Amino acid sequence: MFKAYQNLTPKTRLGVGVAIIAWGGVGLYLSDKAEEKLGFTPTEEDKAELRNLAPKITTVDKSQR
């Protein structure tokens, strides 16, 4: 598949790249609206549970020798 992409003209490759980026942007924009319409918005309880599942990071200062 990569070979087929390489065989395209530079203008066409640019068009394909812009189209992929646009598709991703539209998906990011519309996913929040679709989530609200379908009733999948997270509650505060869901957000708190997710925060509890996230790993905790502890920093340790290194002593100089």
N, C-alpha and C. Protein backbone atom coordinates (compact mmCIF):
# COMPACT_ATOMS: atom_id res chain seq x y z
N MET A 1 0.82 -1.18 0.00
CA MET A 1 0.00 0.00 0.00
C MET A 1 0.88 1.27 0.00
N PHE A 2 1.98 1.22 0.71
CA PHE A 2 2.88 2.38 0.75
C PHE A 2 3.46 2.65 -0.63
N LYS A 3 3.70 1.59 -1.37
CA LYS A 3 4.24 1.72 -2.72
C LYS A 3 3.22 2.44 -3.63
N ALA A 4 1.95 2.11 -3.46
CA ALA A 4 0.91 2.76 -4.26
C ALA A 4 0.85 4.25 -3.92
N TYR A 5 1.05 4.59 -2.66
CA TYR A 5 1.07 6.01 -2.26
C TYR A 5 2.26 6.73 -2.87
N GLN A 6 3.40 6.07 -2.90
CA GLN A 6 4.60 6.68 -3.46
C GLN A 6 4.47 6.90 -4.97
N ASN A 7 3.69 6.09 -5.63
CA ASN A 7 3.53 6.22 -7.07
C ASN A 7 2.61 7.37 -7.47
N LEU A 8 1.93 7.97 -6.53
CA LEU A 8 1.05 9.10 -6.84
C LEU A 8 1.88 10.34 -7.14
N THR A 9 1.29 11.26 -7.88
CA THR A 9 1.98 12.51 -8.16
C THR A 9 2.04 13.35 -6.88
N PRO A 10 3.00 14.25 -6.78
CA PRO A 10 3.12 15.07 -5.56
C PRO A 10 1.85 15.85 -5.21
N LYS A 11 1.16 16.37 -6.21
CA LYS A 11 -0.08 17.10 -5.96
C LYS A 11 -1.15 16.18 -5.36
N THR A 12 -1.23 14.98 -5.89
CA THR A 12 -2.21 14.02 -5.40
C THR A 12 -1.87 13.59 -3.98
N ARG A 13 -0.58 13.36 -3.70
CA ARG A 13 -0.16 13.00 -2.35
C ARG A 13 -0.51 14.10 -1.36
N LEU A 14 -0.31 15.36 -1.77
CA LEU A 14 -0.67 16.48 -0.92
C LEU A 14 -2.17 16.48 -0.65
N GLY A 15 -2.95 16.24 -1.68
CA GLY A 15 -4.40 16.17 -1.52
C GLY A 15 -4.84 15.06 -0.59
N VAL A 16 -4.20 13.90 -0.71
CA VAL A 16 -4.53 12.77 0.17
C VAL A 16 -4.16 13.12 1.61
N GLY A 17 -3.02 13.74 1.81
CA GLY A 17 -2.60 14.13 3.16
C GLY A 17 -3.53 15.14 3.79
N VAL A 18 -3.91 16.15 3.01
CA VAL A 18 -4.84 17.16 3.52
C VAL A 18 -6.20 16.54 3.82
N ALA A 19 -6.64 15.63 2.98
CA ALA A 19 -7.93 14.97 3.20
C ALA A 19 -7.91 14.14 4.48
N ILE A 20 -6.81 13.45 4.75
CA ILE A 20 -6.71 12.64 5.98
C ILE A 20 -6.72 13.54 7.21
N ILE A 21 -5.99 14.65 7.15
CA ILE A 21 -5.96 15.58 8.28
C ILE A 21 -7.34 16.20 8.49
N ALA A 22 -8.01 16.56 7.40
CA ALA A 22 -9.36 17.14 7.50
C ALA A 22 -10.34 16.13 8.09
N TRP A 23 -10.25 14.89 7.66
CA TRP A 23 -11.11 13.82 8.18
C TRP A 23 -10.92 13.67 9.69
N GLY A 24 -9.68 13.71 10.14
CA GLY A 24 -9.41 13.61 11.57
C GLY A 24 -9.94 14.81 12.33
N GLY A 25 -9.78 16.00 11.76
CA GLY A 25 -10.29 17.21 12.41
C GLY A 25 -11.80 17.20 12.54
N VAL A 26 -12.47 16.79 11.47
CA VAL A 26 -13.93 16.71 11.50
C VAL A 26 -14.37 15.67 12.53
N GLY A 27 -13.67 14.56 12.59
CA GLY A 27 -14.01 13.53 13.57
C GLY A 27 -13.86 14.02 14.99
N LEU A 28 -12.80 14.77 15.27
CA LEU A 28 -12.62 15.32 16.61
C LEU A 28 -13.71 16.34 16.94
N TYR A 29 -14.10 17.13 15.96
CA TYR A 29 -15.11 18.15 16.17
C TYR A 29 -16.49 17.52 16.40
N LEU A 30 -16.84 16.54 15.59
CA LEU A 30 -18.18 15.96 15.66
C LEU A 30 -18.35 14.91 16.75
N SER A 31 -17.26 14.33 17.25
CA SER A 31 -17.39 13.26 18.24
C SER A 31 -18.02 13.77 19.53
N ASP A 32 -17.70 14.99 19.95
CA ASP A 32 -18.29 15.54 21.17
C ASP A 32 -19.79 15.76 21.00
N LYS A 33 -20.19 16.26 19.83
CA LYS A 33 -21.61 16.50 19.58
C LYS A 33 -22.38 15.19 19.49
N ALA A 34 -21.79 14.20 18.86
CA ALA A 34 -22.45 12.89 18.76
C ALA A 34 -22.55 12.24 20.13
N GLU A 35 -21.53 12.43 20.94
CA GLU A 35 -21.53 11.88 22.30
C GLU A 35 -22.68 12.47 23.11
N GLU A 36 -22.91 13.77 22.98
CA GLU A 36 -24.01 14.42 23.71
C GLU A 36 -25.36 13.93 23.21
N LYS A 37 -25.54 13.83 21.89
CA LYS A 37 -26.82 13.41 21.33
C LYS A 37 -27.16 11.97 21.68
N LEU A 38 -26.15 11.12 21.77
CA LEU A 38 -26.39 9.71 22.07
C LEU A 38 -26.44 9.43 23.57
N GLY A 39 -26.16 10.44 24.38
CA GLY A 39 -26.26 10.27 25.83
C GLY A 39 -25.05 9.61 26.45
N PHE A 40 -23.90 9.74 25.85
CA PHE A 40 -22.70 9.11 26.38
C PHE A 40 -21.79 10.08 27.12
N THR A 41 -22.30 11.24 27.52
CA THR A 41 -21.45 12.20 28.23
C THR A 41 -21.14 11.64 29.61
N PRO A 42 -19.89 11.72 30.04
CA PRO A 42 -19.52 11.16 31.33
C PRO A 42 -20.02 12.02 32.49
N THR A 43 -20.41 11.37 33.56
CA THR A 43 -20.84 12.07 34.76
C THR A 43 -19.61 12.40 35.60
N GLU A 44 -19.80 13.21 36.62
CA GLU A 44 -18.69 13.54 37.52
C GLU A 44 -18.19 12.28 38.23
N GLU A 45 -19.10 11.37 38.50
CA GLU A 45 -18.72 10.09 39.14
C GLU A 45 -17.80 9.28 38.23
N ASP A 46 -18.12 9.25 36.94
CA ASP A 46 -17.28 8.54 35.97
C ASP A 46 -15.90 9.17 35.88
N LYS A 47 -15.86 10.50 35.89
CA LYS A 47 -14.58 11.21 35.81
C LYS A 47 -13.73 10.93 37.05
N ALA A 48 -14.37 10.90 38.23
CA ALA A 48 -13.64 10.63 39.47
C ALA A 48 -13.09 9.20 39.47
N GLU A 49 -13.88 8.26 38.98
CA GLU A 49 -13.42 6.87 38.90
C GLU A 49 -12.23 6.73 37.96
N LEU A 50 -12.27 7.45 36.85
CA LEU A 50 -11.17 7.42 35.90
C LEU A 50 -9.90 8.02 36.52
N ARG A 51 -10.06 9.12 37.28
CA ARG A 51 -8.90 9.72 37.95
C ARG A 51 -8.29 8.76 38.95
N ASN A 52 -9.11 7.95 39.62
CA ASN A 52 -8.61 6.98 40.60
C ASN A 52 -7.85 5.85 39.91
N LEU A 53 -8.20 5.53 38.68
CA LEU A 53 -7.53 4.45 37.95
C LEU A 53 -6.22 4.89 37.32
N ALA A 54 -6.02 6.19 37.17
CA ALA A 54 -4.80 6.71 36.56
C ALA A 54 -3.61 6.44 37.48
N PRO A 55 -2.46 6.09 36.92
CA PRO A 55 -1.29 5.82 37.77
C PRO A 55 -0.79 7.10 38.43
N LYS A 56 -0.31 6.95 39.65
CA LYS A 56 0.25 8.08 40.39
C LYS A 56 1.75 8.15 40.12
N ILE A 57 2.24 9.34 39.85
CA ILE A 57 3.65 9.53 39.55
C ILE A 57 4.29 10.26 40.72
N THR A 58 5.36 9.69 41.25
CA THR A 58 6.08 10.29 42.35
C THR A 58 7.49 10.62 41.87
N THR A 59 7.90 11.86 42.09
CA THR A 59 9.24 12.25 41.69
C THR A 59 10.19 12.08 42.87
N VAL A 60 11.39 11.67 42.56
CA VAL A 60 12.42 11.46 43.58
C VAL A 60 13.62 12.31 43.19
N ASP A 61 14.06 13.17 44.11
CA ASP A 61 15.24 13.99 43.84
C ASP A 61 16.48 13.14 43.99
N LYS A 62 17.40 13.32 43.06
CA LYS A 62 18.64 12.56 43.07
C LYS A 62 19.68 13.32 43.89
N SER A 63 20.31 12.65 44.83
CA SER A 63 21.36 13.29 45.63
C SER A 63 22.62 13.44 44.79
N GLN A 64 23.33 14.56 45.00
CA GLN A 64 24.59 14.75 44.29
C GLN A 64 25.68 14.03 45.06
N ARG A 65 26.61 13.43 44.36
CA ARG A 65 27.69 12.68 45.02
C ARG A 65 28.88 13.53 45.23
